[in-house]
Protein backbone atom coordinates (compact mmCIF):
# COMPACT_ATOMS: atom_id res chain seq x y z
CA VAL A 1 81.56 103.88 106.53
CA ILE A 2 80.16 101.54 103.86
CA GLU A 3 76.63 102.07 105.12
CA ARG A 4 76.91 105.80 104.41
CA ILE A 5 78.67 105.41 101.08
CA ILE A 6 75.97 103.21 99.56
CA ASP A 7 73.49 106.04 100.14
CA PHE A 8 75.17 108.15 97.44
CA ASP A 9 72.90 108.25 94.38
CA GLU A 10 75.88 108.72 92.06
CA ILE A 11 77.46 105.36 92.95
CA SER A 12 76.62 102.58 90.48
CA ALA A 13 78.90 99.90 91.98
CA TYR A 14 81.15 99.47 95.02
CA SER A 15 83.31 96.82 96.58
CA GLU A 16 85.28 96.73 99.79
CA MET A 17 88.86 95.63 99.24
CA TYR A 18 92.30 95.50 100.81
CA ALA A 19 95.33 97.26 99.35
CA ALA A 20 98.95 97.37 100.49
CA SER A 21 102.36 98.22 99.14
CA VAL A 22 104.60 95.13 99.23
CA THR A 23 107.89 93.88 97.86
CA ALA A 24 107.79 90.97 95.40
CA LYS A 25 110.94 88.82 95.46
CA SER A 26 112.36 85.95 93.50
CA ASP A 27 115.88 84.64 93.03
CA ALA A 28 116.10 86.87 89.96
CA TYR A 29 114.83 90.23 91.25
CA SER A 30 113.09 92.25 93.96
CA ILE A 31 110.64 95.10 93.28
CA SER A 32 107.83 97.10 94.89
CA ALA A 33 104.29 96.20 93.92
CA TYR A 34 100.72 96.85 95.02
CA LEU A 35 98.81 93.93 96.49
CA GLU A 36 95.02 94.16 96.15
CA VAL A 37 92.47 91.72 97.54
CA PHE A 38 89.02 91.68 95.92
CA ASP A 39 85.96 89.50 96.10
CA PRO A 40 86.23 87.46 92.87
CA LYS A 41 82.64 88.28 91.90
CA ASP A 42 83.29 92.05 92.16
CA ILE A 43 86.71 92.67 90.63
CA ALA A 44 85.58 92.76 86.97
CA GLN A 45 83.45 95.83 87.72
CA PHE A 46 86.61 97.79 88.54
CA ILE A 47 89.67 96.08 87.07
CA THR A 48 90.05 94.60 83.59
CA LEU A 49 92.21 91.51 83.79
CA ARG A 50 93.17 89.98 80.43
CA ASP A 51 95.50 87.07 79.86
CA TYR A 52 98.69 88.47 78.36
CA GLU A 53 98.82 85.78 75.65
CA THR A 54 95.20 85.06 74.70
CA LYS A 55 93.76 88.49 75.64
CA ALA A 56 90.82 86.59 77.19
CA ASP A 57 89.23 87.99 80.35
CA MET A 58 90.69 86.40 83.47
CA PRO A 59 88.64 85.61 86.57
CA LEU A 60 90.23 86.07 89.98
CA PRO A 61 91.07 82.53 91.13
CA PRO A 62 90.35 81.35 94.70
CA ASN A 63 93.96 80.16 95.10
CA GLY A 64 97.23 81.75 94.05
CA VAL A 65 97.78 85.25 92.72
CA LEU A 66 97.57 87.08 89.42
CA ILE A 67 100.60 89.16 88.47
CA ASP A 68 101.22 91.51 85.56
CA ILE A 69 103.37 90.50 82.60
CA LYS A 70 106.22 92.90 83.37
CA LEU A 71 106.40 91.69 86.99
CA SER A 72 106.54 88.10 85.71
CA GLU A 73 109.40 89.04 83.37
CA LEU A 74 111.37 90.91 86.04
CA LEU A 75 110.96 88.13 88.59
CA GLN A 76 111.37 85.47 85.88
CA LEU A 77 108.14 83.74 86.87
CA ASP A 78 105.63 81.61 84.99
CA VAL A 79 102.25 80.22 86.02
CA GLY A 80 102.80 77.70 88.80
CA ASP A 81 106.02 79.31 90.05
CA GLY A 82 106.40 80.48 93.64
CA PHE A 83 107.78 83.80 94.83
CA ILE A 84 107.98 85.80 98.04
CA ILE A 85 105.69 88.65 99.04
CA ASP A 86 107.45 90.72 101.70
CA SER A 87 104.74 92.35 103.80
CA ASP A 88 105.25 92.21 107.57
CA GLY A 89 107.27 89.06 106.98
CA MET A 90 108.09 86.77 104.09
CA HIS A 91 105.12 84.94 102.55
CA GLU A 92 105.24 82.50 99.66
CA ALA A 93 102.71 82.89 96.86
CA VAL A 94 102.13 80.88 93.70
CA VAL A 95 101.41 82.51 90.34
CA ALA A 96 97.96 81.41 89.16
CA GLY A 97 97.91 83.68 86.10
CA ILE A 98 99.66 86.48 84.26
CA TYR A 99 97.69 89.44 82.94
CA GLU A 100 98.28 92.46 80.71
CA ASN A 101 99.30 95.67 82.44
CA TYR A 102 101.92 98.17 81.47
CA VAL A 103 101.86 100.77 84.24
CA GLY A 104 102.91 99.80 87.76
CA HIS A 105 102.95 96.33 89.25
CA PHE A 106 99.84 94.84 90.82
CA ILE A 107 99.31 91.51 92.54
CA TYR A 108 95.63 90.55 92.66
CA LEU A 109 94.20 87.84 94.87
CA ALA A 110 90.98 86.62 96.42
CA PRO A 111 90.35 86.66 100.19
CA GLN A 112 90.76 82.85 100.33
CA ALA A 113 94.20 83.10 98.69
CA TYR A 114 95.16 85.92 101.06
CA SER A 115 94.28 83.71 104.04
CA GLU A 116 96.33 80.83 102.65
CA ILE A 117 99.36 83.03 101.94
CA PHE A 118 99.32 85.31 104.99
CA GLY A 119 97.71 83.01 107.54
CA GLY A 120 94.72 85.18 108.42
CA GLN A 121 91.94 87.35 107.12
CA CYS A 122 92.78 90.68 105.51
CA GLU A 123 91.31 93.76 107.09
CA LYS A 124 89.57 95.68 104.34
CA ASN A 125 91.03 99.16 104.11
CA GLY A 126 89.51 100.55 100.92
CA ILE A 127 86.42 100.76 98.78
CA MET A 128 86.40 100.83 94.98
CA LEU A 129 83.58 102.88 93.51
CA ASN A 130 82.07 103.37 90.07
CA LEU A 131 79.94 106.43 89.49
CA GLU A 132 76.97 106.78 87.13
CA ASP A 133 78.63 109.93 85.76
CA ASP A 134 82.42 110.00 85.83
CA SER A 135 82.79 113.63 84.83
CA ARG A 136 85.42 115.62 86.71
CA ALA A 137 82.75 117.80 88.36
CA THR A 138 80.78 114.83 89.70
CA CYS A 139 83.94 113.09 90.88
CA GLU A 140 85.17 116.21 92.67
CA ARG A 141 81.79 116.69 94.37
CA VAL A 142 81.57 113.04 95.46
CA THR A 143 85.21 113.09 96.63
CA THR A 144 84.56 116.21 98.71
CA GLU A 145 81.50 114.59 100.29
CA LEU A 146 83.35 111.31 100.93
CA LEU A 147 86.25 113.09 102.62
CA MET A 148 83.81 114.70 105.06
CA LEU A 149 82.76 111.24 106.31
CA ASN A 150 84.39 110.00 109.48
CA GLY A 151 86.78 107.15 108.69
CA ILE A 152 87.77 108.25 105.17
CA SER A 153 91.23 109.79 104.92
CA SER A 154 91.77 109.83 101.15
CA ALA A 155 89.99 109.37 97.84
CA MET A 156 91.34 109.47 94.33
CA ARG A 157 89.90 109.40 90.86
CA ALA A 158 91.54 106.75 88.67
CA ALA A 159 91.38 109.02 85.63
CA ASP A 160 93.42 111.65 87.50
CA THR A 161 96.13 109.09 88.16
CA GLN A 162 96.14 108.20 84.48
CA ASP A 163 96.27 111.89 83.48
CA THR A 164 99.23 112.49 85.81
CA TYR A 165 101.09 109.57 84.27
CA LEU A 166 100.35 110.72 80.71
CA LYS A 167 101.47 114.28 81.48
CA SER A 168 104.70 113.01 83.03
CA MET A 169 105.37 111.04 79.84
CA GLU A 170 104.84 114.03 77.48
CA GLN A 171 108.53 114.94 77.65
CA VAL A 172 109.73 111.37 77.14
CA ASP A 173 110.71 110.26 73.66
CA PHE A 174 111.31 106.59 74.46
CA VAL A 175 110.39 104.16 77.20
CA VAL A 176 112.63 101.11 77.35
């Protein structure tokens, strides 16, 4: 699939990655989260990771995981603490950093860290893309073309996910 995707003129950057829905557990709490594995040299093209205290950009470390600030608060975790990732079994991970994020819970890690935590290589199941032109029309056209390729079952525009969230919050007066 990747060989055909890179032929699209509209794509300015791409990276294969692994994504899964998991449960993050500590003695304090248990909650659903998204686990995403990226090549450390590629992640900054797609995800902005900033330290929740210093606001400095955070690289993806080779060992351990990065978790968002709210997840760290719910699980009562600090850098260096261990917690369980429930994904086809219980796997212990160590927090290498805590980043800013206020929508959803994401656990980011490098392939090396994935291997250490889960005992094997992750099978890449997704591709992150950046387009030269991120207008709705271009995104819809590229999405339609991508979905016609054998091996691609879904595609979503990040801005659409953000729009859906913002629309759902229009009727909310307070978020606590």
